Protein backbone atom coordinates (compact mmCIF):
# COMPACT_ATOMS: atom_id res chain seq x y z
CA MET A 1 6.18 1.63 25.75
CA THR A 2 8.50 1.71 23.25
CA LEU A 3 12.40 2.05 23.40
CA LYS A 4 14.59 3.59 21.17
CA THR A 5 18.59 3.33 20.72
CA THR A 6 20.90 4.89 18.55
CA VAL A 7 24.52 4.29 17.88
CA ARG A 8 26.74 6.13 17.58
CA SER A 9 30.53 6.45 17.18
CA ARG A 10 33.13 8.10 19.50
CA GLY A 11 36.77 9.11 18.12
CA THR A 12 37.81 5.26 16.64
CA ASP A 13 37.82 3.74 20.09
CA GLY A 14 34.51 4.32 22.07
CA CYS A 15 30.55 4.13 21.47
CA GLU A 16 27.94 5.36 21.98
CA MET A 17 24.43 4.20 22.55
CA VAL A 18 21.21 6.87 23.00
CA LEU A 19 18.12 4.84 25.30
CA GLU A 20 14.87 6.56 24.80
CA GLY A 21 12.16 4.71 26.88
CA ARG A 22 11.24 2.09 28.29
CA LEU A 23 14.19 -0.87 29.77
CA ASP A 24 12.42 -4.02 30.29
CA SER A 25 11.29 -6.82 29.83
CA ASN A 26 9.01 -5.93 26.54
CA THR A 27 12.50 -4.22 24.53
CA VAL A 28 15.61 -6.12 26.52
CA GLN A 29 15.42 -8.61 23.34
CA ALA A 30 16.32 -5.53 20.64
CA CYS A 31 18.36 -3.84 22.82
CA SER A 32 20.62 -6.77 23.86
CA ASN A 33 20.92 -7.39 19.52
CA THR A 34 21.75 -3.97 19.30
CA LEU A 35 24.31 -4.42 22.15
CA SER A 36 26.02 -7.36 20.94
CA GLU A 37 26.38 -5.77 17.50
CA VAL A 38 28.40 -2.41 19.27
CA LEU A 39 30.42 -5.00 21.80
CA SER A 40 31.88 -6.60 19.04
CA ARG A 41 33.04 -3.86 17.49
CA PRO A 42 36.98 -2.79 18.38
CA ILE A 43 35.18 -0.30 20.93
CA ARG A 44 37.87 0.96 24.41
CA VAL A 45 35.12 3.17 26.01
CA LEU A 46 30.67 1.96 25.25
CA LEU A 47 28.89 5.65 26.77
CA PHE A 48 25.31 5.44 27.91
CA ASP A 49 23.82 8.42 27.67
CA LEU A 50 20.27 7.45 29.48
CA THR A 51 18.98 11.67 29.48
CA ASN A 52 15.50 9.89 27.78
CA LEU A 53 15.24 7.18 29.66
CA SER A 54 12.52 6.80 32.03
CA PHE A 55 12.53 3.48 33.76
CA ILE A 56 14.32 0.66 33.95
CA SER A 57 13.77 -3.41 35.09
CA SER A 58 16.56 -5.88 36.23
CA ILE A 59 16.57 -7.31 33.23
CA GLY A 60 17.47 -4.12 32.07
CA LEU A 61 20.18 -3.18 34.54
CA ARG A 62 21.64 -6.79 34.35
CA LEU A 63 21.72 -6.03 30.31
CA VAL A 64 23.77 -2.94 31.03
CA LEU A 65 25.98 -4.57 34.12
CA ASN A 66 27.09 -7.33 31.12
CA ALA A 67 28.02 -4.92 28.81
CA ARG A 68 30.77 -2.93 31.55
CA LYS A 69 31.60 -6.63 32.31
CA ARG A 70 32.38 -7.94 28.29
CA LEU A 71 34.62 -4.40 28.06
CA GLU A 72 36.71 -4.40 31.05
CA ALA A 73 37.77 -8.05 30.44
CA LYS A 74 38.92 -6.23 27.00
CA GLY A 75 40.69 -3.33 29.00
CA GLY A 76 37.46 -1.33 27.58
CA SER A 77 35.34 0.92 30.12
CA VAL A 78 31.43 1.47 30.50
CA LEU A 79 30.69 5.23 31.03
CA MET A 80 26.83 6.36 31.65
CA THR A 81 25.57 9.95 31.39
CA GLY A 82 22.23 11.46 32.06
CA LEU A 83 20.65 10.01 34.56
CA GLN A 84 17.41 10.60 35.95
CA PRO A 85 16.04 9.97 39.23
CA GLN A 86 14.83 7.49 39.14
CA ILE A 87 17.86 5.46 37.24
CA ALA A 88 20.05 6.50 39.24
CA LYS A 89 17.70 4.84 42.15
CA VAL A 90 18.13 1.54 41.03
CA PHE A 91 21.55 1.63 40.38
CA GLU A 92 22.16 3.24 43.78
CA ILE A 93 20.06 -0.09 44.66
CA ALA A 94 21.57 -1.85 42.76
CA ASN A 95 25.37 -1.37 44.66
CA VAL A 96 26.57 -0.31 41.21
CA LEU A 97 27.04 3.18 41.26
CA PRO A 98 30.66 3.63 42.89
CA LYS A 99 31.43 1.05 40.32
CA VAL A 100 30.46 2.94 36.65
CA SER A 101 31.99 6.03 35.32
CA ILE A 102 28.75 9.48 35.58
CA PHE A 103 28.51 12.40 33.97
CA GLU A 104 26.20 15.55 34.03
CA ASN A 105 26.36 15.35 30.40
CA VAL A 106 27.68 14.25 27.14
CA GLU A 107 29.82 17.35 26.66
CA GLU A 108 31.32 16.20 29.85
CA ALA A 109 31.55 12.55 28.37
CA ASP A 110 33.40 14.01 25.19
CA ARG A 111 36.37 15.62 26.79
CA TYR A 112 36.81 12.26 28.96
CA PHE A 113 36.70 10.58 25.56
CA ALA A 114 39.36 13.30 24.11
CA ALA A 115 41.97 12.75 26.90
CA MET A 116 41.58 8.73 27.20
CA GLN A 117 42.70 8.59 23.25
CA GLN A 118 44.98 11.37 23.53
CA LYS A 119 46.91 8.88 26.57
CA VAL A 120 46.55 6.62 23.71
CA LEU A 121 48.61 7.93 20.92
CA ASP A 122 51.48 9.88 23.62
CA ALA A 123 51.79 5.80 24.34
CA GLN A 124 52.11 5.12 21.27
CA ASN A 125 54.49 8.53 20.57
CA GLU A 126 56.92 7.03 23.45
CA PRO A 127 60.67 6.45 22.49
């Protein structure tokens, strides 16, 4: 099976990566290339929509965790939405779920994006 990756801008400093299919050793390189391009942008928040991700291997998990590490080093964060039970189990086993913000759906994540952006705007407008 293949992996389909769709990238969307989310506000002024956010990006969404939708992953559909399997993230494994056969598909990780193409996803890594796309992710590198995304992380080269001036973003502070990366949202992974995993609603239609059916499988993630250890190399796929490492890709997501490295993205989180790179963004956190720049003061940003990685969020996830739509984790299927089998995908959530992999993150749970790897003991990373408490360290990653997870949202029920994209709408909930959008509310978070809006609040974060407003916080930045408010800070810029402070005397």
